[in-house]
Amino acid sequence: MDIDSLEHHIRTVDNRHTQIARQIEQILAQKSWDEFQVETLKKEKLKLKDELAMLYRKRYDLMNEHHYE
């Protein structure tokens, strides 16, 4: 994966992470909400956070590889 593709993927995952965070906030602001739905969204958000950490590490490695070649 080249750096441009990686950057695009990072933005896509980060945008989805932000969307889910906002969705959770909106649900929790309601008087009554579905606990299972919120739990499911929180798990998805956590998976995306883990994926972002992996992608940032991959980007860091790619950038260092490119500078040393």
N, C-alpha and C. Protein backbone atom coordinates (compact mmCIF):
# COMPACT_ATOMS: atom_id res chain seq x y z
N MET A 1 0.86 -1.18 0.00
CA MET A 1 0.00 0.00 0.00
C MET A 1 0.90 1.23 0.00
N ASP A 2 0.63 2.16 -0.91
CA ASP A 2 1.44 3.37 -0.94
C ASP A 2 0.89 4.38 0.08
N ILE A 3 1.66 5.42 0.31
CA ILE A 3 1.34 6.39 1.37
C ILE A 3 0.01 7.12 1.09
N ASP A 4 -0.27 7.43 -0.19
CA ASP A 4 -1.52 8.13 -0.53
C ASP A 4 -2.74 7.25 -0.25
N SER A 5 -2.66 5.97 -0.60
CA SER A 5 -3.75 5.04 -0.32
C SER A 5 -3.95 4.89 1.18
N LEU A 6 -2.85 4.81 1.89
CA LEU A 6 -2.90 4.68 3.34
C LEU A 6 -3.54 5.91 3.98
N GLU A 7 -3.15 7.09 3.52
CA GLU A 7 -3.73 8.33 4.04
C GLU A 7 -5.23 8.38 3.79
N HIS A 8 -5.64 7.97 2.60
CA HIS A 8 -7.06 7.95 2.27
C HIS A 8 -7.81 6.98 3.20
N HIS A 9 -7.24 5.81 3.42
CA HIS A 9 -7.87 4.82 4.30
C HIS A 9 -7.95 5.34 5.73
N ILE A 10 -6.91 6.01 6.19
CA ILE A 10 -6.91 6.59 7.54
C ILE A 10 -8.05 7.61 7.65
N ARG A 11 -8.19 8.48 6.67
CA ARG A 11 -9.27 9.48 6.71
C ARG A 11 -10.65 8.81 6.72
N THR A 12 -10.80 7.77 5.92
CA THR A 12 -12.07 7.05 5.86
C THR A 12 -12.43 6.43 7.20
N VAL A 13 -11.47 5.75 7.80
CA VAL A 13 -11.71 5.10 9.10
C VAL A 13 -11.94 6.15 10.19
N ASP A 14 -11.16 7.22 10.15
CA ASP A 14 -11.32 8.29 11.14
C ASP A 14 -12.69 8.96 11.02
N ASN A 15 -13.15 9.18 9.81
CA ASN A 15 -14.48 9.77 9.60
C ASN A 15 -15.57 8.86 10.14
N ARG A 16 -15.44 7.57 9.91
CA ARG A 16 -16.43 6.62 10.42
C ARG A 16 -16.41 6.61 11.95
N HIS A 17 -15.22 6.66 12.53
CA HIS A 17 -15.07 6.70 14.00
C HIS A 17 -15.79 7.93 14.56
N THR A 18 -15.61 9.07 13.91
CA THR A 18 -16.26 10.31 14.33
C THR A 18 -17.77 10.23 14.19
N GLN A 19 -18.23 9.64 13.09
CA GLN A 19 -19.68 9.48 12.88
C GLN A 19 -20.30 8.64 13.99
N ILE A 20 -19.65 7.56 14.34
CA ILE A 20 -20.17 6.69 15.39
C ILE A 20 -20.19 7.42 16.73
N ALA A 21 -19.13 8.17 17.03
CA ALA A 21 -19.09 8.93 18.28
C ALA A 21 -20.27 9.90 18.35
N ARG A 22 -20.55 10.58 17.27
CA ARG A 22 -21.68 11.52 17.23
C ARG A 22 -23.01 10.79 17.36
N GLN A 23 -23.10 9.64 16.72
CA GLN A 23 -24.32 8.85 16.80
C GLN A 23 -24.58 8.40 18.24
N ILE A 24 -23.54 7.97 18.92
CA ILE A 24 -23.67 7.58 20.33
C ILE A 24 -24.13 8.76 21.17
N GLU A 25 -23.53 9.92 20.96
CA GLU A 25 -23.92 11.12 21.70
C GLU A 25 -25.40 11.45 21.48
N GLN A 26 -25.85 11.36 20.23
CA GLN A 26 -27.25 11.65 19.92
C GLN A 26 -28.18 10.66 20.61
N ILE A 27 -27.82 9.41 20.59
CA ILE A 27 -28.66 8.39 21.22
C ILE A 27 -28.73 8.63 22.73
N LEU A 28 -27.59 8.89 23.35
CA LEU A 28 -27.55 9.08 24.79
C LEU A 28 -28.26 10.36 25.24
N ALA A 29 -28.43 11.30 24.34
CA ALA A 29 -29.12 12.55 24.66
C ALA A 29 -30.65 12.36 24.72
N GLN A 30 -31.12 11.25 24.19
CA GLN A 30 -32.55 10.97 24.22
C GLN A 30 -32.98 10.51 25.62
N LYS A 31 -34.25 10.67 25.90
CA LYS A 31 -34.78 10.27 27.21
C LYS A 31 -34.66 8.77 27.43
N SER A 32 -34.99 8.01 26.42
CA SER A 32 -34.80 6.55 26.54
C SER A 32 -34.04 6.08 25.30
N TRP A 33 -33.16 5.11 25.52
CA TRP A 33 -32.34 4.62 24.42
C TRP A 33 -32.05 3.14 24.62
N ASP A 34 -31.66 2.51 23.54
CA ASP A 34 -31.41 1.07 23.51
C ASP A 34 -29.97 0.80 23.94
N GLU A 35 -29.84 0.19 25.11
CA GLU A 35 -28.51 -0.10 25.66
C GLU A 35 -27.71 -1.02 24.74
N PHE A 36 -28.36 -1.99 24.13
CA PHE A 36 -27.68 -2.92 23.23
C PHE A 36 -27.13 -2.18 22.01
N GLN A 37 -27.92 -1.26 21.47
CA GLN A 37 -27.47 -0.48 20.31
C GLN A 37 -26.24 0.35 20.66
N VAL A 38 -26.27 0.99 21.82
CA VAL A 38 -25.13 1.82 22.25
C VAL A 38 -23.91 0.94 22.47
N GLU A 39 -24.09 -0.21 23.10
CA GLU A 39 -22.97 -1.11 23.34
C GLU A 39 -22.36 -1.59 22.04
N THR A 40 -23.20 -1.92 21.07
CA THR A 40 -22.73 -2.36 19.75
C THR A 40 -21.93 -1.25 19.07
N LEU A 41 -22.44 -0.03 19.12
CA LEU A 41 -21.74 1.11 18.51
C LEU A 41 -20.41 1.38 19.21
N LYS A 42 -20.39 1.27 20.53
CA LYS A 42 -19.14 1.48 21.26
C LYS A 42 -18.10 0.44 20.89
N LYS A 43 -18.52 -0.80 20.70
CA LYS A 43 -17.59 -1.85 20.28
C LYS A 43 -17.04 -1.57 18.89
N GLU A 44 -17.91 -1.13 17.99
CA GLU A 44 -17.47 -0.79 16.64
C GLU A 44 -16.49 0.39 16.67
N LYS A 45 -16.79 1.37 17.51
CA LYS A 45 -15.92 2.54 17.64
C LYS A 45 -14.55 2.12 18.17
N LEU A 46 -14.52 1.20 19.13
CA LEU A 46 -13.26 0.72 19.68
C LEU A 46 -12.44 -0.04 18.63
N LYS A 47 -13.12 -0.85 17.82
CA LYS A 47 -12.43 -1.57 16.73
C LYS A 47 -11.81 -0.59 15.75
N LEU A 48 -12.54 0.47 15.44
CA LEU A 48 -12.02 1.48 14.52
C LEU A 48 -10.82 2.20 15.14
N LYS A 49 -10.88 2.46 16.43
CA LYS A 49 -9.75 3.10 17.11
C LYS A 49 -8.51 2.22 17.03
N ASP A 50 -8.70 0.92 17.24
CA ASP A 50 -7.59 -0.03 17.13
C ASP A 50 -7.03 -0.06 15.70
N GLU A 51 -7.95 -0.04 14.73
CA GLU A 51 -7.51 -0.03 13.33
C GLU A 51 -6.73 1.24 13.02
N LEU A 52 -7.20 2.38 13.54
CA LEU A 52 -6.48 3.64 13.33
C LEU A 52 -5.07 3.57 13.91
N ALA A 53 -4.94 3.01 15.09
CA ALA A 53 -3.61 2.89 15.71
C ALA A 53 -2.69 2.06 14.82
N MET A 54 -3.21 0.97 14.27
CA MET A 54 -2.42 0.12 13.38
C MET A 54 -2.05 0.88 12.09
N LEU A 55 -3.01 1.64 11.56
CA LEU A 55 -2.75 2.39 10.33
C LEU A 55 -1.73 3.50 10.55
N TYR A 56 -1.81 4.19 11.69
CA TYR A 56 -0.84 5.23 12.00
C TYR A 56 0.57 4.63 12.13
N ARG A 57 0.63 3.46 12.72
CA ARG A 57 1.93 2.78 12.86
C ARG A 57 2.47 2.40 11.49
N LYS A 58 1.59 1.90 10.63
CA LYS A 58 1.99 1.52 9.28
C LYS A 58 2.47 2.74 8.50
N ARG A 59 1.75 3.87 8.67
CA ARG A 59 2.16 5.11 7.99
C ARG A 59 3.53 5.56 8.48
N TYR A 60 3.74 5.49 9.78
CA TYR A 60 5.03 5.87 10.36
C TYR A 60 6.15 5.00 9.77
N ASP A 61 5.92 3.71 9.72
CA ASP A 61 6.92 2.79 9.16
C ASP A 61 7.18 3.08 7.69
N LEU A 62 6.12 3.33 6.94
CA LEU A 62 6.26 3.63 5.51
C LEU A 62 7.06 4.91 5.29
N MET A 63 6.76 5.91 6.09
CA MET A 63 7.46 7.19 5.94
C MET A 63 8.94 7.06 6.28
N ASN A 64 9.24 6.28 7.31
CA ASN A 64 10.64 6.07 7.67
C ASN A 64 11.36 5.25 6.63
N GLU A 65 10.69 4.24 6.07
CA GLU A 65 11.27 3.44 5.01
C GLU A 65 11.62 4.31 3.81
N HIS A 66 10.71 5.18 3.46
CA HIS A 66 10.88 6.04 2.29
C HIS A 66 12.05 7.01 2.49
N HIS A 67 12.23 7.53 3.68
CA HIS A 67 13.30 8.49 3.94
C HIS A 67 14.67 7.85 3.98
N TYR A 68 14.74 6.56 4.28
CA TYR A 68 16.04 5.91 4.41
C TYR A 68 16.48 5.19 3.15
N GLU A 69 15.64 5.10 2.14
CA GLU A 69 16.04 4.42 0.90
C GLU A 69 16.74 5.35 -0.04
